[in-house]
Amino acid sequence: MHPTQTSAALTRGGIAEDLRRASVWFAAPVGAASLFRVFVEPHYLSGWLVVWLLLIGLYAFAQRFLLEKPGDGRLRTALVFNFVAINVGFALIGCFMSAWPGWRADGMLNSIDRMILGCDTASLFGRWSNPWVGTLAVLGYSSFILFFLYLAFSEAFVLSAWTGKIQKGFMMLYGLGYSGYLLLPASGPIFAHEGKPLLLPQSHFAAGLNSWLTSCCLGVDAWPSLHAGVCLFTVVWVWRRWPKALAFFVPAGIALLFGALYLHYHYLVDILTGGALGIACSVSVLSEARRGAAVPAKVPARSPAPTGASQGPAAGRLPVPDAE
């Protein structure tokens, strides 16, 4: 095999292995957390839960099947499956967790915020409330879509060892984050504390956008904040891979985190734990990539030349010029 073909095969094999591990990091914790929630609150056992668990298993099986022979087409299909699994999973968690009322962790999370801040998040930005700040907060929070799409597809166009690493970290983040939704379901200040005045003076455009954002919430997706997790995962990744892009991602990330608090979608503890989870996942896969780069790939050795074969330059000797 030509050295270039050998290198490409090794790269595809490495990506496939990372994607297999990524599917496990997503399916195993989310499946275990779903079963735990049903064990603690049996009324959540419903058709939606059965569909959710079947789809988790189907996703893991499909990824394993695709990655048995990791060609470029199969690898890119596996990337699309990851994207679909995250979005379908979000919707199905909402369906089966919203089917019945159950315990919510909002009181506990709000108490932790009060211990940290001396007040709850609903009154944290009272004196900063005005239409300009509200509009900035809504636009910042909406920038999550750009962070999410960056993690999902930025390393997908040119397949390399980085493709597998970012996908592994991405699915690890969502597997652990979705598990948090199931273990400590919380709706966030905007839903759990409706008696408090909402500090949302905005332009008509921002008010409409905020209404759409509110409609996308599940009612159990406050802890940990995957908005903060995706944001800080991306910032750490970009810092190591494309430092010049920080000029965009850092200001956008600050606006996103500010919007999460100002708009009352998250408690401060959600931001802190979600951000820490995002940093940990990013650092984990970046460290793994660095260790892998330090170990040279094993290229199959050439077969020894047959006995009595001519020993020329390929055997390590310089050619002898003809006598004149």
Protein backbone atom coordinates (compact mmCIF):
# COMPACT_ATOMS: atom_id res chain seq x y z
CA MET A 1 0.00 0.00 0.00
CA HIS A 2 1.27 3.46 -0.88
CA PRO A 3 2.32 5.50 2.21
CA THR A 4 -0.35 8.14 1.44
CA GLN A 5 -3.05 5.46 1.27
CA THR A 6 -1.74 3.92 4.50
CA SER A 7 -1.90 7.28 6.26
CA ALA A 8 -5.46 7.92 5.03
CA ALA A 9 -6.57 4.46 6.18
CA LEU A 10 -5.04 5.03 9.61
CA THR A 11 -6.79 8.41 9.86
CA ARG A 12 -10.17 6.95 8.90
CA GLY A 13 -9.68 4.13 11.38
CA GLY A 14 -8.91 6.63 14.14
CA ILE A 15 -11.99 8.71 13.31
CA ALA A 16 -14.16 5.59 13.32
CA GLU A 17 -12.85 4.55 16.73
CA ASP A 18 -13.52 8.02 18.16
CA LEU A 19 -17.04 8.01 16.71
CA ARG A 20 -17.74 4.59 18.21
CA ARG A 21 -16.67 5.89 21.60
CA ALA A 22 -18.71 9.04 21.04
CA SER A 23 -21.87 6.97 20.53
CA VAL A 24 -21.21 5.13 23.79
CA TRP A 25 -20.61 8.40 25.65
CA PHE A 26 -23.99 9.63 24.43
CA ALA A 27 -26.14 6.50 24.68
CA ALA A 28 -24.88 4.92 27.92
CA PRO A 29 -25.30 7.81 30.41
CA VAL A 30 -28.58 9.01 28.88
CA GLY A 31 -30.06 5.51 28.85
CA ALA A 32 -28.97 4.89 32.46
CA ALA A 33 -30.35 8.26 33.62
CA SER A 34 -33.68 7.58 31.88
CA LEU A 35 -34.04 4.25 33.67
CA PHE A 36 -33.10 5.88 36.98
CA ARG A 37 -35.79 8.52 36.55
CA VAL A 38 -38.41 5.81 35.92
CA PHE A 39 -37.17 3.85 38.93
CA VAL A 40 -37.53 6.92 41.18
CA GLU A 41 -40.80 8.15 39.61
CA PRO A 42 -42.57 5.18 37.95
CA HIS A 43 -45.32 7.37 36.50
CA TYR A 44 -42.83 8.43 33.80
CA LEU A 45 -43.03 4.96 32.29
CA SER A 46 -44.90 5.71 29.08
CA GLY A 47 -44.88 5.14 25.36
CA TRP A 48 -42.63 8.17 24.88
CA LEU A 49 -40.02 6.65 27.17
CA VAL A 50 -40.13 3.34 25.30
CA VAL A 51 -39.68 5.16 21.99
CA TRP A 52 -36.80 7.14 23.47
CA LEU A 53 -34.98 4.05 24.77
CA LEU A 54 -35.50 2.18 21.49
CA LEU A 55 -34.08 5.10 19.52
CA ILE A 56 -31.04 5.29 21.81
CA GLY A 57 -30.36 1.62 21.11
CA LEU A 58 -31.00 2.05 17.39
CA TYR A 59 -28.60 5.00 17.26
CA ALA A 60 -25.82 3.04 18.97
CA PHE A 61 -26.37 0.02 16.69
CA ALA A 62 -26.47 2.15 13.52
CA GLN A 63 -23.21 3.88 14.43
CA ARG A 64 -21.47 0.57 15.09
CA PHE A 65 -22.72 -0.82 11.77
CA LEU A 66 -21.68 2.28 9.80
CA LEU A 67 -18.22 2.37 11.30
CA GLU A 68 -17.29 -1.26 10.63
CA LYS A 69 -15.95 -0.19 7.21
CA PRO A 70 -15.08 3.49 7.69
CA GLY A 71 -15.08 5.05 4.24
CA ASP A 72 -15.53 8.79 3.83
CA GLY A 73 -19.23 8.47 3.04
CA ARG A 74 -19.92 6.31 6.09
CA LEU A 75 -17.95 8.62 8.36
CA ARG A 76 -19.89 11.67 7.21
CA THR A 77 -23.17 9.76 7.60
CA ALA A 78 -22.16 8.96 11.18
CA LEU A 79 -21.58 12.69 11.79
CA VAL A 80 -25.11 13.42 10.55
CA PHE A 81 -26.47 10.69 12.84
CA ASN A 82 -24.81 12.42 15.80
CA PHE A 83 -26.47 15.70 14.87
CA VAL A 84 -29.87 14.01 14.49
CA ALA A 85 -29.48 12.07 17.76
CA ILE A 86 -28.87 15.27 19.73
CA ASN A 87 -31.87 17.10 18.27
CA VAL A 88 -34.31 14.18 18.34
CA GLY A 89 -33.13 13.31 21.84
CA PHE A 90 -33.87 16.84 23.04
CA ALA A 91 -37.43 16.64 21.71
CA LEU A 92 -38.13 13.17 23.12
CA ILE A 93 -36.81 14.02 26.59
CA GLY A 94 -39.27 16.90 26.57
CA CYS A 95 -42.10 14.62 25.47
CA PHE A 96 -41.74 11.98 28.16
CA MET A 97 -40.67 14.33 30.98
CA SER A 98 -43.56 16.71 30.27
CA ALA A 99 -46.16 13.96 30.00
CA TRP A 100 -46.54 13.84 33.80
CA PRO A 101 -45.80 16.32 36.59
CA GLY A 102 -42.92 15.28 38.79
CA TRP A 103 -40.21 16.47 41.13
CA ARG A 104 -38.22 19.50 39.99
CA ALA A 105 -34.87 20.74 41.29
CA ASP A 106 -35.63 24.47 40.89
CA GLY A 107 -35.95 25.12 44.62
CA MET A 108 -32.58 23.53 45.32
CA LEU A 109 -30.83 25.34 42.46
CA ASN A 110 -32.34 28.68 43.45
CA SER A 111 -31.17 28.13 47.05
CA ILE A 112 -27.61 27.52 45.81
CA ASP A 113 -27.80 30.75 43.81
CA ARG A 114 -28.92 32.65 46.88
CA MET A 115 -25.98 31.23 48.83
CA ILE A 116 -23.56 32.37 46.11
CA LEU A 117 -25.09 35.74 45.22
CA GLY A 118 -27.06 36.73 48.28
CA CYS A 119 -30.12 37.01 46.00
CA ASP A 120 -31.83 35.00 43.31
CA THR A 121 -31.14 35.45 39.61
CA ALA A 122 -34.56 37.02 38.99
CA SER A 123 -33.44 40.18 40.81
CA LEU A 124 -29.76 40.16 39.83
CA PHE A 125 -29.92 42.60 36.91
CA GLY A 126 -32.78 44.82 38.04
CA ARG A 127 -31.00 48.17 37.65
CA TRP A 128 -29.59 47.22 34.24
CA SER A 129 -33.01 46.58 32.76
CA ASN A 130 -33.67 48.54 29.56
CA PRO A 131 -34.63 47.72 25.96
CA TRP A 132 -31.05 47.91 24.62
CA VAL A 133 -29.69 45.49 27.21
CA GLY A 134 -32.65 43.18 26.73
CA THR A 135 -32.15 43.14 22.97
CA LEU A 136 -28.42 42.42 23.37
CA ALA A 137 -29.26 39.58 25.76
CA VAL A 138 -31.71 37.97 23.33
CA LEU A 139 -29.31 38.22 20.40
CA GLY A 140 -26.45 36.87 22.53
CA TYR A 141 -28.50 33.93 23.74
CA SER A 142 -29.57 33.17 20.16
CA SER A 143 -25.91 32.99 19.07
CA PHE A 144 -25.91 29.51 20.65
CA ILE A 145 -27.01 28.22 17.24
CA LEU A 146 -23.69 29.30 15.74
CA PHE A 147 -21.68 27.65 18.52
CA PHE A 148 -23.69 24.45 18.14
CA LEU A 149 -23.28 24.29 14.37
CA TYR A 150 -19.56 24.99 14.71
CA LEU A 151 -19.07 21.99 17.00
CA ALA A 152 -21.28 19.76 14.85
CA PHE A 153 -19.72 20.48 11.45
CA SER A 154 -16.53 22.59 11.60
CA GLU A 155 -14.23 19.55 11.34
CA ALA A 156 -16.56 17.57 9.07
CA PHE A 157 -15.66 19.01 5.67
CA VAL A 158 -12.05 17.82 5.72
CA LEU A 159 -11.85 14.52 7.57
CA SER A 160 -8.86 14.35 9.90
CA ALA A 161 -7.94 13.12 13.37
CA TRP A 162 -9.52 16.35 14.70
CA THR A 163 -12.90 15.24 13.30
CA GLY A 164 -13.11 12.26 15.60
CA LYS A 165 -11.88 14.17 18.64
CA ILE A 166 -14.35 17.05 18.39
CA GLN A 167 -17.22 14.63 17.80
CA LYS A 168 -16.22 12.54 20.79
CA GLY A 169 -16.14 15.60 23.03
CA PHE A 170 -19.39 16.92 21.53
CA MET A 171 -21.33 13.71 22.19
CA MET A 172 -19.73 13.34 25.62
CA LEU A 173 -20.96 16.83 26.50
CA TYR A 174 -24.51 16.10 25.34
CA GLY A 175 -24.64 12.62 26.86
CA LEU A 176 -23.69 13.95 30.29
CA GLY A 177 -25.78 17.11 29.87
CA TYR A 178 -28.95 15.24 28.92
CA SER A 179 -28.34 12.94 31.88
CA GLY A 180 -28.42 16.04 34.07
CA TYR A 181 -31.82 16.97 32.65
CA LEU A 182 -33.10 13.56 33.76
CA LEU A 183 -31.39 13.36 37.15
CA LEU A 184 -32.06 16.95 38.28
CA PRO A 185 -34.90 18.21 36.08
CA ALA A 186 -35.40 21.96 36.46
CA SER A 187 -37.38 24.44 34.39
CA GLY A 188 -35.31 27.55 35.16
CA PRO A 189 -36.23 30.84 36.84
CA ILE A 190 -38.44 32.04 34.00
CA PHE A 191 -40.90 29.16 34.56
CA ALA A 192 -40.35 28.19 38.19
CA HIS A 193 -40.78 31.67 39.68
CA GLU A 194 -43.60 33.16 37.69
CA GLY A 195 -44.63 35.46 40.53
CA LYS A 196 -41.47 37.54 40.15
CA PRO A 197 -41.37 40.40 37.64
CA LEU A 198 -39.49 39.50 34.47
CA LEU A 199 -36.94 42.12 33.47
CA LEU A 200 -37.50 41.94 29.75
CA PRO A 201 -38.04 45.38 28.20
CA GLN A 202 -37.05 44.81 24.57
CA SER A 203 -37.63 45.95 21.04
CA HIS A 204 -40.50 44.31 19.14
CA PHE A 205 -37.98 42.20 17.20
CA ALA A 206 -36.25 40.97 20.35
CA ALA A 207 -39.56 40.32 22.11
CA GLY A 208 -40.68 38.11 19.22
CA LEU A 209 -37.37 36.26 19.19
CA ASN A 210 -37.50 35.76 22.96
CA SER A 211 -41.01 34.35 22.65
CA TRP A 212 -39.71 31.77 20.16
CA LEU A 213 -36.80 30.89 22.47
CA THR A 214 -39.19 30.38 25.37
CA SER A 215 -41.34 28.04 23.29
CA CYS A 216 -38.28 25.85 22.63
CA CYS A 217 -37.68 25.16 26.33
CA LEU A 218 -38.56 21.71 27.66
CA GLY A 219 -39.32 22.67 31.24
CA VAL A 220 -36.58 20.29 32.47
CA ASP A 221 -33.53 21.62 30.63
CA ALA A 222 -32.04 24.17 33.03
CA TRP A 223 -29.32 22.07 34.73
CA PRO A 224 -26.66 21.87 33.53
CA SER A 225 -26.70 24.73 31.04
CA LEU A 226 -25.69 23.21 27.72
CA HIS A 227 -25.71 26.73 26.32
CA ALA A 228 -22.77 27.45 28.65
CA GLY A 229 -21.26 24.01 27.97
CA VAL A 230 -21.31 24.35 24.18
CA CYS A 231 -20.09 27.96 24.42
CA LEU A 232 -17.03 27.22 26.56
CA PHE A 233 -16.24 23.94 24.78
CA THR A 234 -16.10 25.94 21.55
CA VAL A 235 -13.95 28.72 23.02
CA VAL A 236 -11.38 26.24 24.35
CA TRP A 237 -11.37 24.29 21.07
CA VAL A 238 -11.00 27.42 18.94
CA TRP A 239 -8.22 28.69 21.21
CA ARG A 240 -6.21 25.55 20.39
CA ARG A 241 -7.24 25.13 16.75
CA TRP A 242 -8.06 28.54 15.21
CA PRO A 243 -6.96 31.29 17.67
CA LYS A 244 -7.88 34.13 15.30
CA ALA A 245 -11.54 33.07 15.48
CA LEU A 246 -11.57 34.00 19.17
CA ALA A 247 -12.20 37.59 18.04
CA PHE A 248 -15.74 36.43 17.24
CA PHE A 249 -16.36 33.61 19.69
CA VAL A 250 -15.27 35.36 22.90
CA PRO A 251 -17.59 38.42 22.58
CA ALA A 252 -20.42 36.21 21.34
CA GLY A 253 -19.85 33.81 24.24
CA ILE A 254 -19.95 36.61 26.81
CA ALA A 255 -23.23 37.85 25.31
CA LEU A 256 -24.62 34.30 25.33
CA LEU A 257 -23.81 33.70 29.01
CA PHE A 258 -25.13 37.12 29.98
CA GLY A 259 -28.36 36.46 28.07
CA ALA A 260 -28.85 33.11 29.83
CA LEU A 261 -28.93 34.88 33.19
CA TYR A 262 -30.61 38.14 32.19
CA LEU A 263 -33.48 36.39 30.43
CA HIS A 264 -33.95 34.02 33.43
CA TYR A 265 -33.45 30.85 31.41
CA HIS A 266 -30.78 29.56 33.78
CA TYR A 267 -29.64 29.79 37.37
CA LEU A 268 -26.05 30.83 38.00
CA VAL A 269 -25.23 27.31 39.19
CA ASP A 270 -26.48 25.99 35.82
CA ILE A 271 -24.00 28.26 34.04
CA LEU A 272 -21.12 27.31 36.32
CA THR A 273 -21.65 23.56 36.11
CA GLY A 274 -22.50 23.56 32.40
CA GLY A 275 -19.47 25.71 31.61
CA ALA A 276 -17.20 23.47 33.69
CA LEU A 277 -18.56 20.41 31.88
CA GLY A 278 -17.90 22.01 28.48
CA ILE A 279 -14.33 22.96 29.42
CA ALA A 280 -13.65 19.48 30.83
CA CYS A 281 -14.93 17.72 27.68
CA SER A 282 -12.93 20.02 25.39
CA VAL A 283 -9.71 19.73 27.38
CA SER A 284 -10.14 15.95 27.57
CA VAL A 285 -10.30 15.39 23.81
CA LEU A 286 -7.65 18.03 23.04
CA SER A 287 -5.26 16.35 25.49
CA GLU A 288 -6.04 13.00 23.89
CA ALA A 289 -5.31 14.46 20.45
CA ARG A 290 -2.01 15.88 21.66
CA ARG A 291 -0.96 12.54 23.15
CA GLY A 292 -1.91 10.79 19.92
CA ALA A 293 0.13 13.25 17.86
CA ALA A 294 3.17 12.51 20.01
CA VAL A 295 3.02 8.80 19.10
CA PRO A 296 4.01 8.15 15.47
CA ALA A 297 1.58 6.05 13.49
CA LYS A 298 2.69 2.49 12.82
CA VAL A 299 3.23 1.94 9.12
CA PRO A 300 3.38 -1.70 8.03
CA ALA A 301 6.96 -2.81 7.38
CA ARG A 302 8.00 -3.79 3.88
CA SER A 303 8.47 -7.43 3.12
CA PRO A 304 12.16 -8.42 3.01
CA ALA A 305 13.70 -8.79 -0.40
CA PRO A 306 13.98 -12.38 -1.67
CA THR A 307 17.27 -14.17 -1.09
CA GLY A 308 19.71 -13.46 -3.88
CA ALA A 309 17.76 -10.48 -5.15
CA SER A 310 19.68 -7.51 -6.43
CA GLN A 311 20.57 -5.11 -3.62
CA GLY A 312 20.28 -1.58 -4.97
CA PRO A 313 19.46 1.86 -3.63
CA ALA A 314 16.27 0.55 -2.04
CA ALA A 315 18.43 -1.55 0.27
CA GLY A 316 20.02 1.57 1.65
CA ARG A 317 23.18 1.74 -0.56
CA LEU A 318 23.98 4.62 -2.86
CA PRO A 319 24.22 3.80 -6.60
CA VAL A 320 27.71 3.31 -7.99
CA PRO A 321 28.31 5.40 -11.10
CA ASP A 322 29.39 3.56 -14.28
CA ALA A 323 33.08 3.52 -15.05
CA GLU A 324 34.04 5.83 -17.87
